[in-house]
Amino acid sequence: MAYADASHRTRTRYDDEKVRNIVLDVARHYQSAACCIALEFGGEMHLKARYGVTQRTAPFSSLTRHISGRSLPIIISDAANEERVRNDPLVKGAPFTRSYVGAPLMNSSMQCVGTLCIMGTDARDYSLEECKHLMDAAEQVSQHAEEMMAAMAMPSSLTYGTLPALDCRLGLKVSNLADLEEDQEEGLSEPSEYNSERVSESNHPG
């Protein structure tokens, strides 16, 4: 399983209304202080569909970066006591992460394009069974992104505005492809309106 660098167009597929609703559902399910999508691009992690997270980016070495080749979640029961991540901005600063679980987001080529993360302010241990809801949600996000990519590949003579049923299914709020392509990342990355195995520190990406 390879790790894919997320282009701008790829990143926009992980920050629409449907994805934000999935993230909100995950945050409520786990009663997490924070939840987001983390995508690797340009040597850093871009944080999308943010709930309880104000930062838009995190360092490449962030705890939010998944391990290439790993299909299971990364589980950290107390980030403050993990040498590799204790100085992570998401640990030392808001949301002051202690417990962390990250499930990989896989594309159709079985490449990891990012992570669906939950972060808690108290130390907590998660079993793989407890992570099932998170893994299922990550699969939903990945499937949605693939559907959006397929829709974008339609002939240019067809627009989202002429396919209202598809608009609804994908949760898109654009009238045509041009609108989507002209979206700027600054606008797309505004905070959302709703404002197994353990991994040892030596195995966590540096």
Protein backbone atom coordinates (compact mmCIF):
# COMPACT_ATOMS: atom_id res chain seq x y z
CA MET A 1 0.00 0.00 0.00
CA ALA A 2 1.57 3.27 -1.12
CA TYR A 3 1.02 6.76 0.27
CA ALA A 4 -0.29 9.25 -2.28
CA ASP A 5 0.45 12.98 -2.27
CA ALA A 6 -2.90 14.79 -2.42
CA SER A 7 -3.29 17.36 -5.20
CA HIS A 8 -5.46 20.46 -4.70
CA ARG A 9 -8.36 18.85 -6.57
CA THR A 10 -8.00 15.71 -4.45
CA ARG A 11 -8.06 17.77 -1.26
CA THR A 12 -11.30 19.52 -2.21
CA ARG A 13 -13.06 16.16 -2.42
CA TYR A 14 -12.46 15.64 1.29
CA ASP A 15 -13.95 18.90 2.55
CA ASP A 16 -17.52 19.12 1.31
CA GLU A 17 -20.79 18.99 3.23
CA LYS A 18 -21.12 15.22 3.18
CA VAL A 19 -17.60 14.69 4.50
CA ARG A 20 -18.15 17.28 7.23
CA ASN A 21 -21.32 15.47 8.29
CA ILE A 22 -19.41 12.18 8.49
CA VAL A 23 -16.72 13.87 10.58
CA LEU A 24 -19.36 15.34 12.89
CA ASP A 25 -21.00 11.93 13.31
CA VAL A 26 -17.63 10.40 14.21
CA ALA A 27 -16.88 13.15 16.73
CA ARG A 28 -20.25 12.65 18.39
CA HIS A 29 -19.94 8.86 18.39
CA TYR A 30 -16.62 8.96 20.22
CA GLN A 31 -17.39 12.17 22.13
CA SER A 32 -14.08 13.45 20.80
CA ALA A 33 -12.72 16.92 21.40
CA ALA A 34 -11.52 17.04 17.81
CA CYS A 35 -11.89 15.20 14.53
CA CYS A 36 -10.64 15.93 11.02
CA ILE A 37 -9.33 14.64 7.71
CA ALA A 38 -5.54 14.88 7.26
CA LEU A 39 -4.11 14.87 3.72
CA GLU A 40 -0.44 14.92 2.77
CA PHE A 41 0.64 17.59 0.30
CA GLY A 42 3.73 19.71 -0.26
CA GLY A 43 5.66 18.23 2.64
CA GLU A 44 2.99 18.91 5.26
CA MET A 45 -0.40 17.66 6.38
CA HIS A 46 -3.48 19.62 5.31
CA LEU A 47 -6.34 19.37 7.82
CA LYS A 48 -9.81 19.32 6.28
CA ALA A 49 -13.43 19.06 7.46
CA ARG A 50 -12.16 20.22 10.85
CA TYR A 51 -14.18 19.78 14.03
CA GLY A 52 -12.52 21.20 17.14
CA VAL A 53 -9.34 21.92 15.18
CA THR A 54 -8.35 25.48 14.24
CA GLN A 55 -5.07 24.69 12.48
CA ARG A 56 -5.24 24.29 8.71
CA THR A 57 -1.93 22.46 8.42
CA ALA A 58 0.36 20.32 10.54
CA PRO A 59 4.01 19.29 10.08
CA PHE A 60 4.84 16.31 7.88
CA SER A 61 5.89 14.49 11.07
CA SER A 62 2.48 15.10 12.66
CA LEU A 63 0.73 12.27 14.44
CA THR A 64 -2.03 12.67 11.83
CA ARG A 65 0.15 11.15 9.08
CA HIS A 66 -0.64 7.47 8.58
CA ILE A 67 2.00 4.79 8.11
CA SER A 68 2.38 3.69 4.50
CA GLY A 69 1.49 0.02 4.14
CA ARG A 70 -0.69 -0.11 7.24
CA SER A 71 -4.39 -0.81 6.79
CA LEU A 72 -5.23 -0.85 10.50
CA PRO A 73 -5.74 2.31 12.56
CA ILE A 74 -2.94 3.99 14.43
CA ILE A 75 -3.85 4.07 18.13
CA ILE A 76 -2.05 6.29 20.65
CA SER A 77 -3.44 6.13 24.17
CA ASP A 78 -1.43 9.09 25.54
CA ALA A 79 0.35 11.30 23.02
CA ALA A 80 1.93 13.39 25.78
CA ASN A 81 3.99 10.35 26.79
CA GLU A 82 4.97 9.29 23.26
CA GLU A 83 8.45 10.55 22.41
CA ARG A 84 7.74 10.83 18.69
CA VAL A 85 4.65 13.02 18.97
CA ARG A 86 4.82 14.72 22.35
CA ASN A 87 6.03 17.97 20.73
CA ASP A 88 3.45 17.85 17.93
CA PRO A 89 1.59 21.21 17.67
CA LEU A 90 -1.69 19.29 18.03
CA VAL A 91 -0.40 17.85 21.32
CA LYS A 92 1.38 20.86 22.81
CA GLY A 93 -1.33 23.23 21.61
CA ALA A 94 -5.05 23.08 20.84
CA PRO A 95 -6.78 20.67 20.81
CA PHE A 96 -4.14 19.39 23.34
CA THR A 97 -4.37 15.82 22.11
CA ARG A 98 -3.81 12.96 24.52
CA SER A 99 -5.68 10.03 22.96
CA TYR A 100 -5.52 9.66 19.19
CA VAL A 101 -6.85 7.21 16.60
CA GLY A 102 -6.31 7.57 12.86
CA ALA A 103 -7.92 5.38 10.18
CA PRO A 104 -6.44 5.40 6.66
CA LEU A 105 -8.32 6.80 3.68
CA MET A 106 -7.74 4.52 0.70
CA ASN A 107 -8.34 5.29 -2.97
CA SER A 108 -9.33 2.78 -5.64
CA SER A 109 -5.66 2.03 -6.33
CA MET A 110 -5.20 1.04 -2.68
CA GLN A 111 -3.08 4.09 -2.01
CA CYS A 112 -3.40 5.84 1.33
CA VAL A 113 -4.36 9.44 0.56
CA GLY A 114 -4.90 10.56 4.12
CA THR A 115 -6.31 9.85 7.54
CA LEU A 116 -9.62 10.25 9.36
CA CYS A 117 -8.54 11.25 12.87
CA ILE A 118 -10.14 11.54 16.28
CA MET A 119 -8.38 13.32 19.15
CA GLY A 120 -9.29 13.42 22.81
CA THR A 121 -8.05 15.59 25.66
CA ASP A 122 -7.83 12.66 28.09
CA ALA A 123 -5.63 9.58 27.85
CA ARG A 124 -7.66 6.62 26.62
CA ASP A 125 -6.97 3.20 25.20
CA TYR A 126 -9.01 2.00 22.20
CA SER A 127 -9.52 -1.59 21.09
CA LEU A 128 -9.82 -2.46 17.42
CA GLU A 129 -13.49 -3.26 18.01
CA GLU A 130 -14.01 0.27 19.33
CA CYS A 131 -12.33 1.61 16.19
CA LYS A 132 -14.80 -0.09 13.85
CA HIS A 133 -17.08 2.95 13.58
CA LEU A 134 -14.08 5.12 12.66
CA MET A 135 -12.88 2.63 10.03
CA ASP A 136 -16.37 2.37 8.54
CA ALA A 137 -16.57 6.16 8.39
CA ALA A 138 -13.17 6.33 6.67
CA GLU A 139 -14.46 3.91 4.06
CA GLN A 140 -17.53 6.12 3.52
CA VAL A 141 -15.32 9.17 3.03
CA SER A 142 -13.09 7.32 0.56
CA GLN A 143 -16.07 6.03 -1.42
CA HIS A 144 -17.59 9.50 -1.57
CA ALA A 145 -14.31 10.98 -2.83
CA GLU A 146 -14.11 8.31 -5.53
CA GLU A 147 -17.70 9.08 -6.62
CA MET A 148 -16.86 12.76 -6.87
CA MET A 149 -13.77 11.97 -8.93
CA ALA A 150 -15.85 9.86 -11.30
CA ALA A 151 -18.40 12.67 -11.62
CA MET A 152 -15.65 15.17 -12.43
CA ALA A 153 -14.46 12.89 -15.23
CA MET A 154 -17.79 13.21 -17.09
CA PRO A 155 -17.74 14.88 -20.55
CA SER A 156 -17.42 18.65 -20.31
CA SER A 157 -20.76 19.09 -22.09
CA LEU A 158 -22.43 17.75 -18.94
CA THR A 159 -22.50 19.93 -15.84
CA TYR A 160 -23.58 19.33 -12.30
CA GLY A 161 -26.29 21.93 -12.85
CA THR A 162 -27.91 19.70 -15.48
CA LEU A 163 -27.83 16.70 -13.15
CA PRO A 164 -29.65 17.74 -9.96
CA ALA A 165 -30.01 14.16 -8.75
CA LEU A 166 -26.23 13.74 -8.89
CA ASP A 167 -25.79 17.10 -7.14
CA CYS A 168 -27.92 15.79 -4.28
CA ARG A 169 -26.22 12.40 -4.10
CA LEU A 170 -22.75 13.89 -3.90
CA GLY A 171 -23.72 16.77 -1.63
CA LEU A 172 -22.30 19.30 -4.10
CA LYS A 173 -23.27 22.96 -4.09
CA VAL A 174 -21.91 24.02 -7.46
CA SER A 175 -23.80 24.83 -10.64
CA ASN A 176 -21.15 23.55 -13.03
CA LEU A 177 -17.61 22.24 -13.31
CA ALA A 178 -16.18 25.71 -13.79
CA ASP A 179 -17.49 26.79 -10.39
CA LEU A 180 -15.80 23.83 -8.77
CA GLU A 181 -12.49 24.40 -10.52
CA GLU A 182 -12.46 28.08 -9.57
CA ASP A 183 -12.92 27.40 -5.85
CA GLN A 184 -9.93 28.60 -3.91
CA GLU A 185 -8.49 26.48 -1.13
CA GLU A 186 -8.68 29.39 1.26
CA GLY A 187 -12.45 29.29 1.09
CA LEU A 188 -12.70 25.52 1.14
CA SER A 189 -10.59 25.22 4.25
CA GLU A 190 -12.55 27.58 6.46
CA PRO A 191 -13.51 25.91 9.78
CA SER A 192 -16.74 23.96 9.50
CA GLU A 193 -19.91 25.48 10.75
CA TYR A 194 -20.29 22.93 13.53
CA ASN A 195 -17.06 24.39 14.84
CA SER A 196 -5.24 -4.52 15.84
CA GLU A 197 -2.15 -3.51 16.90
CA ARG A 198 -0.73 -0.70 18.90
CA VAL A 199 1.90 1.42 17.24
CA SER A 200 5.04 1.99 19.22
CA GLU A 201 6.87 5.29 18.97
CA SER A 202 9.52 3.67 16.79
CA ASN A 203 6.90 2.68 14.23
CA HIS A 204 5.23 6.06 14.01
CA PRO A 205 6.29 8.11 10.97
CA GLY A 206 8.94 10.68 11.63
